[in-house]
mmCIF file of all heavy atoms, coordinates in Angstrom:
data_MODEL
# 
_entry.id   MODEL 
# 
loop_
_atom_site.group_PDB 
_atom_site.id 
_atom_site.type_symbol 
_atom_site.label_atom_id 
_atom_site.label_alt_id 
_atom_site.label_comp_id 
_atom_site.label_asym_id 
_atom_site.label_entity_id 
_atom_site.label_seq_id 
_atom_site.pdbx_PDB_ins_code 
_atom_site.Cartn_x 
_atom_site.Cartn_y 
_atom_site.Cartn_z 
_atom_site.occupancy 
_atom_site.B_iso_or_equiv 
_atom_site.pdbx_formal_charge 
_atom_site.auth_seq_id 
_atom_site.auth_comp_id 
_atom_site.auth_asym_id 
_atom_site.auth_atom_id 
_atom_site.pdbx_PDB_model_num 
ATOM 1   N N   . GLU A 1 1  ? 5.475   11.380 11.152  1.00 0.00 ? 1  GLU A N   1 
ATOM 2   C CA  . GLU A 1 1  ? 6.735   11.839 11.769  1.00 0.00 ? 1  GLU A CA  1 
ATOM 3   C C   . GLU A 1 1  ? 6.501   13.179 12.408  1.00 0.00 ? 1  GLU A C   1 
ATOM 4   O O   . GLU A 1 1  ? 6.237   14.153 11.720  1.00 0.00 ? 1  GLU A O   1 
ATOM 5   C CB  . GLU A 1 1  ? 7.820   11.989 10.763  1.00 0.00 ? 1  GLU A CB  1 
ATOM 6   C CG  . GLU A 1 1  ? 9.171   12.443 11.350  1.00 0.00 ? 1  GLU A CG  1 
ATOM 7   C CD  . GLU A 1 1  ? 10.265  12.535 10.278  1.00 0.00 ? 1  GLU A CD  1 
ATOM 8   O OE1 . GLU A 1 1  ? 9.996   12.133 9.108   1.00 0.00 ? 1  GLU A OE1 1 
ATOM 9   O OE2 . GLU A 1 1  ? 11.332  12.965 10.612  1.00 0.00 ? 1  GLU A OE2 1 
ATOM 10  N N   . THR A 1 2  ? 6.479   13.324 13.787  1.00 0.00 ? 2  THR A N   1 
ATOM 11  C CA  . THR A 1 2  ? 6.174   14.492 14.500  1.00 0.00 ? 2  THR A CA  1 
ATOM 12  C C   . THR A 1 2  ? 7.334   15.441 14.494  1.00 0.00 ? 2  THR A C   1 
ATOM 13  O O   . THR A 1 2  ? 8.493   15.041 14.091  1.00 0.00 ? 2  THR A O   1 
ATOM 14  C CB  . THR A 1 2  ? 5.728   14.149 15.877  1.00 0.00 ? 2  THR A CB  1 
ATOM 15  O OG1 . THR A 1 2  ? 6.869   13.607 16.608  1.00 0.00 ? 2  THR A OG1 1 
ATOM 16  C CG2 . THR A 1 2  ? 4.579   13.139 15.914  1.00 0.00 ? 2  THR A CG2 1 
ATOM 17  N N   . ASP A 1 3  ? 7.182   16.618 15.102  1.00 0.00 ? 3  ASP A N   1 
ATOM 18  C CA  . ASP A 1 3  ? 8.272   17.598 15.136  1.00 0.00 ? 3  ASP A CA  1 
ATOM 19  C C   . ASP A 1 3  ? 9.333   17.203 16.127  1.00 0.00 ? 3  ASP A C   1 
ATOM 20  O O   . ASP A 1 3  ? 10.369  17.706 16.184  1.00 0.00 ? 3  ASP A O   1 
ATOM 21  C CB  . ASP A 1 3  ? 7.707   18.967 15.531  1.00 0.00 ? 3  ASP A CB  1 
ATOM 22  C CG  . ASP A 1 3  ? 6.822   18.955 16.787  1.00 0.00 ? 3  ASP A CG  1 
ATOM 23  O OD1 . ASP A 1 3  ? 6.673   17.844 17.348  1.00 0.00 ? 3  ASP A OD1 1 
ATOM 24  O OD2 . ASP A 1 3  ? 6.365   20.031 17.137  1.00 0.00 ? 3  ASP A OD2 1 
ATOM 25  N N   . LYS A 1 4  ? 8.994   16.157 16.959  1.00 0.00 ? 4  LYS A N   1 
ATOM 26  C CA  . LYS A 1 4  ? 10.018  15.671 17.914  1.00 0.00 ? 4  LYS A CA  1 
ATOM 27  C C   . LYS A 1 4  ? 10.756  14.415 17.296  1.00 0.00 ? 4  LYS A C   1 
ATOM 28  O O   . LYS A 1 4  ? 11.355  13.713 18.090  1.00 0.00 ? 4  LYS A O   1 
ATOM 29  C CB  . LYS A 1 4  ? 9.283   15.290 19.197  1.00 0.00 ? 4  LYS A CB  1 
ATOM 30  C CG  . LYS A 1 4  ? 8.652   16.468 19.912  1.00 0.00 ? 4  LYS A CG  1 
ATOM 31  C CD  . LYS A 1 4  ? 7.994   15.944 21.175  1.00 0.00 ? 4  LYS A CD  1 
ATOM 32  C CE  . LYS A 1 4  ? 7.306   17.206 21.909  1.00 0.00 ? 4  LYS A CE  1 
ATOM 33  N NZ  . LYS A 1 4  ? 6.648   16.700 23.196  1.00 0.00 ? 4  LYS A NZ  1 
ATOM 34  N N   . ASN A 1 5  ? 10.598  14.188 16.003  1.00 0.00 ? 5  ASN A N   1 
ATOM 35  C CA  . ASN A 1 5  ? 11.297  13.107 15.344  1.00 0.00 ? 5  ASN A CA  1 
ATOM 36  C C   . ASN A 1 5  ? 10.770  11.728 15.792  1.00 0.00 ? 5  ASN A C   1 
ATOM 37  O O   . ASN A 1 5  ? 11.501  10.763 15.721  1.00 0.00 ? 5  ASN A O   1 
ATOM 38  C CB  . ASN A 1 5  ? 12.823  13.258 15.489  1.00 0.00 ? 5  ASN A CB  1 
ATOM 39  C CG  . ASN A 1 5  ? 13.425  14.464 14.863  1.00 0.00 ? 5  ASN A CG  1 
ATOM 40  O OD1 . ASN A 1 5  ? 12.938  14.792 13.766  1.00 0.00 ? 5  ASN A OD1 1 
ATOM 41  N ND2 . ASN A 1 5  ? 14.348  15.092 15.400  1.00 0.00 ? 5  ASN A ND2 1 
ATOM 42  N N   . ASN A 1 6  ? 9.525   11.723 16.274  1.00 0.00 ? 6  ASN A N   1 
ATOM 43  C CA  . ASN A 1 6  ? 8.940   10.471 16.663  1.00 0.00 ? 6  ASN A CA  1 
ATOM 44  C C   . ASN A 1 6  ? 8.128   9.929  15.589  1.00 0.00 ? 6  ASN A C   1 
ATOM 45  O O   . ASN A 1 6  ? 7.401   10.711 14.845  1.00 0.00 ? 6  ASN A O   1 
ATOM 46  C CB  . ASN A 1 6  ? 7.993   10.611 17.918  1.00 0.00 ? 6  ASN A CB  1 
ATOM 47  C CG  . ASN A 1 6  ? 8.870   11.009 19.148  1.00 0.00 ? 6  ASN A CG  1 
ATOM 48  O OD1 . ASN A 1 6  ? 9.984   10.447 19.322  1.00 0.00 ? 6  ASN A OD1 1 
ATOM 49  N ND2 . ASN A 1 6  ? 8.293   11.845 20.001  1.00 0.00 ? 6  ASN A ND2 1 
ATOM 50  N N   . ILE A 1 7  ? 8.119   8.656  15.303  1.00 0.00 ? 7  ILE A N   1 
ATOM 51  C CA  . ILE A 1 7  ? 7.343   7.997  14.302  1.00 0.00 ? 7  ILE A CA  1 
ATOM 52  C C   . ILE A 1 7  ? 6.191   7.309  14.901  1.00 0.00 ? 7  ILE A C   1 
ATOM 53  O O   . ILE A 1 7  ? 6.355   6.356  15.727  1.00 0.00 ? 7  ILE A O   1 
ATOM 54  C CB  . ILE A 1 7  ? 8.184   7.017  13.436  1.00 0.00 ? 7  ILE A CB  1 
ATOM 55  C CG1 . ILE A 1 7  ? 9.465   7.769  12.864  1.00 0.00 ? 7  ILE A CG1 1 
ATOM 56  C CG2 . ILE A 1 7  ? 7.296   6.406  12.302  1.00 0.00 ? 7  ILE A CG2 1 
ATOM 57  C CD1 . ILE A 1 7  ? 9.070   8.842  11.895  1.00 0.00 ? 7  ILE A CD1 1 
ATOM 58  N N   . VAL A 1 8  ? 4.993   7.625  14.522  1.00 0.00 ? 8  VAL A N   1 
ATOM 59  C CA  . VAL A 1 8  ? 3.778   7.089  15.167  1.00 0.00 ? 8  VAL A CA  1 
ATOM 60  C C   . VAL A 1 8  ? 2.950   6.394  14.126  1.00 0.00 ? 8  VAL A C   1 
ATOM 61  O O   . VAL A 1 8  ? 2.648   7.005  13.045  1.00 0.00 ? 8  VAL A O   1 
ATOM 62  C CB  . VAL A 1 8  ? 2.947   8.155  15.873  1.00 0.00 ? 8  VAL A CB  1 
ATOM 63  C CG1 . VAL A 1 8  ? 1.694   7.494  16.445  1.00 0.00 ? 8  VAL A CG1 1 
ATOM 64  C CG2 . VAL A 1 8  ? 3.770   8.815  16.892  1.00 0.00 ? 8  VAL A CG2 1 
ATOM 65  N N   . LEU A 1 9  ? 2.507   5.171  14.312  1.00 0.00 ? 9  LEU A N   1 
ATOM 66  C CA  . LEU A 1 9  ? 1.630   4.433  13.400  1.00 0.00 ? 9  LEU A CA  1 
ATOM 67  C C   . LEU A 1 9  ? 0.177   4.979  13.555  1.00 0.00 ? 9  LEU A C   1 
ATOM 68  O O   . LEU A 1 9  ? -0.412  4.855  14.621  1.00 0.00 ? 9  LEU A O   1 
ATOM 69  C CB  . LEU A 1 9  ? 1.690   2.967  13.635  1.00 0.00 ? 9  LEU A CB  1 
ATOM 70  C CG  . LEU A 1 9  ? 0.731   2.082  12.839  1.00 0.00 ? 9  LEU A CG  1 
ATOM 71  C CD1 . LEU A 1 9  ? 1.057   2.101  11.350  1.00 0.00 ? 9  LEU A CD1 1 
ATOM 72  C CD2 . LEU A 1 9  ? 0.731   0.624  13.354  1.00 0.00 ? 9  LEU A CD2 1 
ATOM 73  N N   . LEU A 1 10 ? -0.385  5.439  12.540  1.00 0.00 ? 10 LEU A N   1 
ATOM 74  C CA  . LEU A 1 10 ? -1.794  5.952  12.501  1.00 0.00 ? 10 LEU A CA  1 
ATOM 75  C C   . LEU A 1 10 ? -2.784  4.877  12.096  1.00 0.00 ? 10 LEU A C   1 
ATOM 76  O O   . LEU A 1 10 ? -3.888  4.908  12.540  1.00 0.00 ? 10 LEU A O   1 
ATOM 77  C CB  . LEU A 1 10 ? -1.972  7.182  11.586  1.00 0.00 ? 10 LEU A CB  1 
ATOM 78  C CG  . LEU A 1 10 ? -1.266  8.422  12.116  1.00 0.00 ? 10 LEU A CG  1 
ATOM 79  C CD1 . LEU A 1 10 ? -1.526  9.573  11.076  1.00 0.00 ? 10 LEU A CD1 1 
ATOM 80  C CD2 . LEU A 1 10 ? -1.718  8.882  13.472  1.00 0.00 ? 10 LEU A CD2 1 
ATOM 81  N N   . GLY A 1 11 ? -2.358  3.971  11.198  1.00 0.00 ? 11 GLY A N   1 
ATOM 82  C CA  . GLY A 1 11 ? -3.315  2.982  10.782  1.00 0.00 ? 11 GLY A CA  1 
ATOM 83  C C   . GLY A 1 11 ? -2.599  1.995  9.814   1.00 0.00 ? 11 GLY A C   1 
ATOM 84  O O   . GLY A 1 11 ? -1.642  2.333  9.120   1.00 0.00 ? 11 GLY A O   1 
ATOM 85  N N   . LYS A 1 12 ? -3.154  0.833  9.799   1.00 0.00 ? 12 LYS A N   1 
ATOM 86  C CA  . LYS A 1 12 ? -2.570  -0.319 8.954   1.00 0.00 ? 12 LYS A CA  1 
ATOM 87  C C   . LYS A 1 12 ? -3.625  -0.732 7.937   1.00 0.00 ? 12 LYS A C   1 
ATOM 88  O O   . LYS A 1 12 ? -4.803  -0.681 8.146   1.00 0.00 ? 12 LYS A O   1 
ATOM 89  C CB  . LYS A 1 12 ? -2.187  -1.427 9.835   1.00 0.00 ? 12 LYS A CB  1 
ATOM 90  C CG  . LYS A 1 12 ? -0.976  -1.208 10.757  1.00 0.00 ? 12 LYS A CG  1 
ATOM 91  C CD  . LYS A 1 12 ? -0.621  -2.356 11.578  1.00 0.00 ? 12 LYS A CD  1 
ATOM 92  C CE  . LYS A 1 12 ? 0.003   -3.505 10.658  1.00 0.00 ? 12 LYS A CE  1 
ATOM 93  N NZ  . LYS A 1 12 ? 1.318   -3.040 10.108  1.00 0.00 ? 12 LYS A NZ  1 
ATOM 94  N N   . ASN A 1 13 ? -3.090  -1.153 6.761   1.00 0.00 ? 13 ASN A N   1 
ATOM 95  C CA  . ASN A 1 13 ? -3.925  -1.707 5.701   1.00 0.00 ? 13 ASN A CA  1 
ATOM 96  C C   . ASN A 1 13 ? -5.072  -0.751 5.252   1.00 0.00 ? 13 ASN A C   1 
ATOM 97  O O   . ASN A 1 13 ? -6.225  -1.133 5.212   1.00 0.00 ? 13 ASN A O   1 
ATOM 98  C CB  . ASN A 1 13 ? -4.590  -3.047 6.099   1.00 0.00 ? 13 ASN A CB  1 
ATOM 99  C CG  . ASN A 1 13 ? -3.450  -4.110 6.426   1.00 0.00 ? 13 ASN A CG  1 
ATOM 100 O OD1 . ASN A 1 13 ? -2.412  -4.092 5.815   1.00 0.00 ? 13 ASN A OD1 1 
ATOM 101 N ND2 . ASN A 1 13 ? -3.735  -4.956 7.392   1.00 0.00 ? 13 ASN A ND2 1 
ATOM 102 N N   . ILE A 1 14 ? -4.705  0.484  5.065   1.00 0.00 ? 14 ILE A N   1 
ATOM 103 C CA  . ILE A 1 14 ? -5.643  1.475  4.674   1.00 0.00 ? 14 ILE A CA  1 
ATOM 104 C C   . ILE A 1 14 ? -5.686  1.577  3.152   1.00 0.00 ? 14 ILE A C   1 
ATOM 105 O O   . ILE A 1 14 ? -4.727  1.728  2.449   1.00 0.00 ? 14 ILE A O   1 
ATOM 106 C CB  . ILE A 1 14 ? -5.259  2.866  5.259   1.00 0.00 ? 14 ILE A CB  1 
ATOM 107 C CG1 . ILE A 1 14 ? -5.402  2.866  6.793   1.00 0.00 ? 14 ILE A CG1 1 
ATOM 108 C CG2 . ILE A 1 14 ? -6.152  3.985  4.697   1.00 0.00 ? 14 ILE A CG2 1 
ATOM 109 C CD1 . ILE A 1 14 ? -4.947  4.143  7.476   1.00 0.00 ? 14 ILE A CD1 1 
ATOM 110 N N   . LEU A 1 15 ? -6.949  1.597  2.587   1.00 0.00 ? 15 LEU A N   1 
ATOM 111 C CA  . LEU A 1 15 ? -7.160  1.599  1.189   1.00 0.00 ? 15 LEU A CA  1 
ATOM 112 C C   . LEU A 1 15 ? -6.923  2.912  0.586   1.00 0.00 ? 15 LEU A C   1 
ATOM 113 O O   . LEU A 1 15 ? -7.269  3.961  1.065   1.00 0.00 ? 15 LEU A O   1 
ATOM 114 C CB  . LEU A 1 15 ? -8.587  1.205  0.825   1.00 0.00 ? 15 LEU A CB  1 
ATOM 115 C CG  . LEU A 1 15 ? -8.982  1.207  -0.611  1.00 0.00 ? 15 LEU A CG  1 
ATOM 116 C CD1 . LEU A 1 15 ? -8.227  0.232  -1.517  1.00 0.00 ? 15 LEU A CD1 1 
ATOM 117 C CD2 . LEU A 1 15 ? -10.495 0.940  -0.700  1.00 0.00 ? 15 LEU A CD2 1 
ATOM 118 N N   . VAL A 1 16 ? -6.091  2.982  -0.492  1.00 0.00 ? 16 VAL A N   1 
ATOM 119 C CA  . VAL A 1 16 ? -5.840  4.169  -1.359  1.00 0.00 ? 16 VAL A CA  1 
ATOM 120 C C   . VAL A 1 16 ? -7.000  4.311  -2.370  1.00 0.00 ? 16 VAL A C   1 
ATOM 121 O O   . VAL A 1 16 ? -7.070  3.450  -3.258  1.00 0.00 ? 16 VAL A O   1 
ATOM 122 C CB  . VAL A 1 16 ? -4.494  4.154  -2.013  1.00 0.00 ? 16 VAL A CB  1 
ATOM 123 C CG1 . VAL A 1 16 ? -4.299  5.392  -2.912  1.00 0.00 ? 16 VAL A CG1 1 
ATOM 124 C CG2 . VAL A 1 16 ? -3.368  4.121  -0.997  1.00 0.00 ? 16 VAL A CG2 1 
ATOM 125 N N   . LEU A 1 17 ? -7.758  5.290  -2.284  1.00 0.00 ? 17 LEU A N   1 
ATOM 126 C CA  . LEU A 1 17 ? -8.842  5.506  -3.203  1.00 0.00 ? 17 LEU A CA  1 
ATOM 127 C C   . LEU A 1 17 ? -8.456  6.167  -4.517  1.00 0.00 ? 17 LEU A C   1 
ATOM 128 O O   . LEU A 1 17 ? -8.939  5.832  -5.579  1.00 0.00 ? 17 LEU A O   1 
ATOM 129 C CB  . LEU A 1 17 ? -9.947  6.404  -2.657  1.00 0.00 ? 17 LEU A CB  1 
ATOM 130 C CG  . LEU A 1 17 ? -10.680 5.779  -1.406  1.00 0.00 ? 17 LEU A CG  1 
ATOM 131 C CD1 . LEU A 1 17 ? -11.680 6.766  -0.816  1.00 0.00 ? 17 LEU A CD1 1 
ATOM 132 C CD2 . LEU A 1 17 ? -11.474 4.528  -1.888  1.00 0.00 ? 17 LEU A CD2 1 
ATOM 133 N N   . GLU A 1 18 ? -7.430  7.071  -4.451  1.00 0.00 ? 18 GLU A N   1 
ATOM 134 C CA  . GLU A 1 18 ? -7.061  7.868  -5.578  1.00 0.00 ? 18 GLU A CA  1 
ATOM 135 C C   . GLU A 1 18 ? -5.752  8.565  -5.292  1.00 0.00 ? 18 GLU A C   1 
ATOM 136 O O   . GLU A 1 18 ? -5.419  8.856  -4.092  1.00 0.00 ? 18 GLU A O   1 
ATOM 137 C CB  . GLU A 1 18 ? -8.120  8.869  -5.976  1.00 0.00 ? 18 GLU A CB  1 
ATOM 138 C CG  . GLU A 1 18 ? -7.889  9.559  -7.292  1.00 0.00 ? 18 GLU A CG  1 
ATOM 139 C CD  . GLU A 1 18 ? -9.004  10.511 -7.607  1.00 0.00 ? 18 GLU A CD  1 
ATOM 140 O OE1 . GLU A 1 18 ? -9.517  11.199 -6.752  1.00 0.00 ? 18 GLU A OE1 1 
ATOM 141 O OE2 . GLU A 1 18 ? -9.425  10.481 -8.809  1.00 0.00 ? 18 GLU A OE2 1 
ATOM 142 N N   . THR A 1 19 ? -4.973  8.864  -6.385  1.00 0.00 ? 19 THR A N   1 
ATOM 143 C CA  . THR A 1 19 ? -3.860  9.737  -6.219  1.00 0.00 ? 19 THR A CA  1 
ATOM 144 C C   . THR A 1 19 ? -3.949  10.704 -7.444  1.00 0.00 ? 19 THR A C   1 
ATOM 145 O O   . THR A 1 19 ? -4.718  10.512 -8.358  1.00 0.00 ? 19 THR A O   1 
ATOM 146 C CB  . THR A 1 19 ? -2.461  9.048  -6.225  1.00 0.00 ? 19 THR A CB  1 
ATOM 147 O OG1 . THR A 1 19 ? -2.234  8.607  -7.578  1.00 0.00 ? 19 THR A OG1 1 
ATOM 148 C CG2 . THR A 1 19 ? -2.453  7.825  -5.377  1.00 0.00 ? 19 THR A CG2 1 
ATOM 149 N N   . ASN A 1 20 ? -3.113  11.731 -7.425  1.00 0.00 ? 20 ASN A N   1 
ATOM 150 C CA  . ASN A 1 20 ? -3.140  12.681 -8.558  1.00 0.00 ? 20 ASN A CA  1 
ATOM 151 C C   . ASN A 1 20 ? -2.717  11.913 -9.814  1.00 0.00 ? 20 ASN A C   1 
ATOM 152 O O   . ASN A 1 20 ? -3.078  12.293 -10.958 1.00 0.00 ? 20 ASN A O   1 
ATOM 153 C CB  . ASN A 1 20 ? -2.241  13.863 -8.353  1.00 0.00 ? 20 ASN A CB  1 
ATOM 154 C CG  . ASN A 1 20 ? -0.755  13.479 -8.140  1.00 0.00 ? 20 ASN A CG  1 
ATOM 155 O OD1 . ASN A 1 20 ? -0.464  12.908 -7.060  1.00 0.00 ? 20 ASN A OD1 1 
ATOM 156 N ND2 . ASN A 1 20 ? 0.067   13.816 -9.085  1.00 0.00 ? 20 ASN A ND2 1 
ATOM 157 N N   . LYS A 1 21 ? -1.942  10.851 -9.756  1.00 0.00 ? 21 LYS A N   1 
ATOM 158 C CA  . LYS A 1 21 ? -1.506  10.058 -10.894 1.00 0.00 ? 21 LYS A CA  1 
ATOM 159 C C   . LYS A 1 21 ? -2.638  9.149  -11.468 1.00 0.00 ? 21 LYS A C   1 
ATOM 160 O O   . LYS A 1 21 ? -2.474  8.650  -12.629 1.00 0.00 ? 21 LYS A O   1 
ATOM 161 C CB  . LYS A 1 21 ? -0.356  9.249  -10.481 1.00 0.00 ? 21 LYS A CB  1 
ATOM 162 C CG  . LYS A 1 21 ? 0.979   10.049 -10.265 1.00 0.00 ? 21 LYS A CG  1 
ATOM 163 C CD  . LYS A 1 21 ? 2.136   9.196  -9.949  1.00 0.00 ? 21 LYS A CD  1 
ATOM 164 C CE  . LYS A 1 21 ? 2.569   8.418  -11.226 1.00 0.00 ? 21 LYS A CE  1 
ATOM 165 N NZ  . LYS A 1 21 ? 3.822   7.675  -11.010 1.00 0.00 ? 21 LYS A NZ  1 
ATOM 166 N N   . SER A 1 22 ? -3.715  9.016  -10.655 1.00 0.00 ? 22 SER A N   1 
ATOM 167 C CA  . SER A 1 22 ? -4.772  8.135  -11.173 1.00 0.00 ? 22 SER A CA  1 
ATOM 168 C C   . SER A 1 22 ? -5.981  8.866  -11.747 1.00 0.00 ? 22 SER A C   1 
ATOM 169 O O   . SER A 1 22 ? -6.941  8.282  -12.121 1.00 0.00 ? 22 SER A O   1 
ATOM 170 C CB  . SER A 1 22 ? -5.300  7.197  -10.021 1.00 0.00 ? 22 SER A CB  1 
ATOM 171 O OG  . SER A 1 22 ? -5.862  7.977  -8.958  1.00 0.00 ? 22 SER A OG  1 
ATOM 172 N N   . THR A 1 23 ? -5.855  10.169 -11.758 1.00 0.00 ? 23 THR A N   1 
ATOM 173 C CA  . THR A 1 23 ? -6.912  11.021 -12.304 1.00 0.00 ? 23 THR A CA  1 
ATOM 174 C C   . THR A 1 23 ? -6.816  10.996 -13.874 1.00 0.00 ? 23 THR A C   1 
ATOM 175 O O   . THR A 1 23 ? -5.828  10.637 -14.498 1.00 0.00 ? 23 THR A O   1 
ATOM 176 C CB  . THR A 1 23 ? -6.822  12.467 -11.826 1.00 0.00 ? 23 THR A CB  1 
ATOM 177 O OG1 . THR A 1 23 ? -5.562  12.989 -12.202 1.00 0.00 ? 23 THR A OG1 1 
ATOM 178 C CG2 . THR A 1 23 ? -6.987  12.592 -10.326 1.00 0.00 ? 23 THR A CG2 1 
ATOM 179 N N   . LYS A 1 24 ? -7.906  11.316 -14.480 1.00 0.00 ? 24 LYS A N   1 
ATOM 180 C CA  . LYS A 1 24 ? -8.077  11.261 -15.934 1.00 0.00 ? 24 LYS A CA  1 
ATOM 181 C C   . LYS A 1 24 ? -6.926  11.977 -16.731 1.00 0.00 ? 24 LYS A C   1 
ATOM 182 O O   . LYS A 1 24 ? -6.482  11.461 -17.719 1.00 0.00 ? 24 LYS A O   1 
ATOM 183 C CB  . LYS A 1 24 ? -9.421  11.842 -16.329 1.00 0.00 ? 24 LYS A CB  1 
ATOM 184 C CG  . LYS A 1 24 ? -9.741  11.690 -17.826 1.00 0.00 ? 24 LYS A CG  1 
ATOM 185 C CD  . LYS A 1 24 ? -11.123 12.188 -18.122 1.00 0.00 ? 24 LYS A CD  1 
ATOM 186 C CE  . LYS A 1 24 ? -11.445 12.088 -19.630 1.00 0.00 ? 24 LYS A CE  1 
ATOM 187 N NZ  . LYS A 1 24 ? -12.815 12.672 -19.939 1.00 0.00 ? 24 LYS A NZ  1 
ATOM 188 N N   . ASN A 1 25 ? -6.574  13.171 -16.298 1.00 0.00 ? 25 ASN A N   1 
ATOM 189 C CA  . ASN A 1 25 ? -5.666  14.047 -17.047 1.00 0.00 ? 25 ASN A CA  1 
ATOM 190 C C   . ASN A 1 25 ? -4.211  13.853 -16.584 1.00 0.00 ? 25 ASN A C   1 
ATOM 191 O O   . ASN A 1 25 ? -3.302  14.694 -17.019 1.00 0.00 ? 25 ASN A O   1 
ATOM 192 C CB  . ASN A 1 25 ? -6.057  15.468 -16.909 1.00 0.00 ? 25 ASN A CB  1 
ATOM 193 C CG  . ASN A 1 25 ? -7.388  15.730 -17.509 1.00 0.00 ? 25 ASN A CG  1 
ATOM 194 O OD1 . ASN A 1 25 ? -7.799  15.164 -18.565 1.00 0.00 ? 25 ASN A OD1 1 
ATOM 195 N ND2 . ASN A 1 25 ? -8.205  16.577 -16.916 1.00 0.00 ? 25 ASN A ND2 1 
ATOM 196 N N   . SER A 1 26 ? -3.884  12.829 -15.744 1.00 0.00 ? 26 SER A N   1 
ATOM 197 C CA  . SER A 1 26 ? -2.526  12.713 -15.267 1.00 0.00 ? 26 SER A CA  1 
ATOM 198 C C   . SER A 1 26 ? -1.622  12.072 -16.370 1.00 0.00 ? 26 SER A C   1 
ATOM 199 O O   . SER A 1 26 ? -2.070  11.486 -17.326 1.00 0.00 ? 26 SER A O   1 
ATOM 200 C CB  . SER A 1 26 ? -2.489  11.789 -14.051 1.00 0.00 ? 26 SER A CB  1 
ATOM 201 O OG  . SER A 1 26 ? -2.933  10.473 -14.414 1.00 0.00 ? 26 SER A OG  1 
ATOM 202 N N   . LYS A 1 27 ? -0.328  12.287 -16.182 1.00 0.00 ? 27 LYS A N   1 
ATOM 203 C CA  . LYS A 1 27 ? 0.687   11.769 -17.100 1.00 0.00 ? 27 LYS A CA  1 
ATOM 204 C C   . LYS A 1 27 ? 1.526   10.691 -16.420 1.00 0.00 ? 27 LYS A C   1 
ATOM 205 O O   . LYS A 1 27 ? 1.677   10.654 -15.203 1.00 0.00 ? 27 LYS A O   1 
ATOM 206 C CB  . LYS A 1 27 ? 1.639   12.879 -17.591 1.00 0.00 ? 27 LYS A CB  1 
ATOM 207 C CG  . LYS A 1 27 ? 0.848   14.030 -18.291 1.00 0.00 ? 27 LYS A CG  1 
ATOM 208 C CD  . LYS A 1 27 ? 1.897   15.116 -18.729 1.00 0.00 ? 27 LYS A CD  1 
ATOM 209 C CE  . LYS A 1 27 ? 1.121   16.251 -19.416 1.00 0.00 ? 27 LYS A CE  1 
ATOM 210 N NZ  . LYS A 1 27 ? 2.022   17.331 -19.820 1.00 0.00 ? 27 LYS A NZ  1 
ATOM 211 N N   . ASP A 1 28 ? 2.028   9.759  -17.222 1.00 0.00 ? 28 ASP A N   1 
ATOM 212 C CA  . ASP A 1 28 ? 2.835   8.637  -16.684 1.00 0.00 ? 28 ASP A CA  1 
ATOM 213 C C   . ASP A 1 28 ? 4.014   9.130  -15.923 1.00 0.00 ? 28 ASP A C   1 
ATOM 214 O O   . ASP A 1 28 ? 4.540   8.575  -14.948 1.00 0.00 ? 28 ASP A O   1 
ATOM 215 C CB  . ASP A 1 28 ? 3.285   7.706  -17.755 1.00 0.00 ? 28 ASP A CB  1 
ATOM 216 C CG  . ASP A 1 28 ? 2.034   6.944  -18.354 1.00 0.00 ? 28 ASP A CG  1 
ATOM 217 O OD1 . ASP A 1 28 ? 1.029   6.846  -17.651 1.00 0.00 ? 28 ASP A OD1 1 
ATOM 218 O OD2 . ASP A 1 28 ? 2.173   6.502  -19.497 1.00 0.00 ? 28 ASP A OD2 1 
ATOM 219 N N   . THR A 1 29 ? 4.632   10.271 -16.308 1.00 0.00 ? 29 THR A N   1 
ATOM 220 C CA  . THR A 1 29 ? 5.851   10.770 -15.753 1.00 0.00 ? 29 THR A CA  1 
ATOM 221 C C   . THR A 1 29 ? 5.575   11.689 -14.590 1.00 0.00 ? 29 THR A C   1 
ATOM 222 O O   . THR A 1 29 ? 6.537   12.176 -13.962 1.00 0.00 ? 29 THR A O   1 
ATOM 223 C CB  . THR A 1 29 ? 6.666   11.568 -16.792 1.00 0.00 ? 29 THR A CB  1 
ATOM 224 O OG1 . THR A 1 29 ? 5.829   12.609 -17.390 1.00 0.00 ? 29 THR A OG1 1 
ATOM 225 C CG2 . THR A 1 29 ? 7.092   10.646 -17.905 1.00 0.00 ? 29 THR A CG2 1 
# 
């Protein structure tokens, strides 16, 4: 979402490798 309130598609079907919730010390909450 740009500063002109335009929504632009950057890519489709992109693989998520990791999030902070998937790291070793993360909590369920």
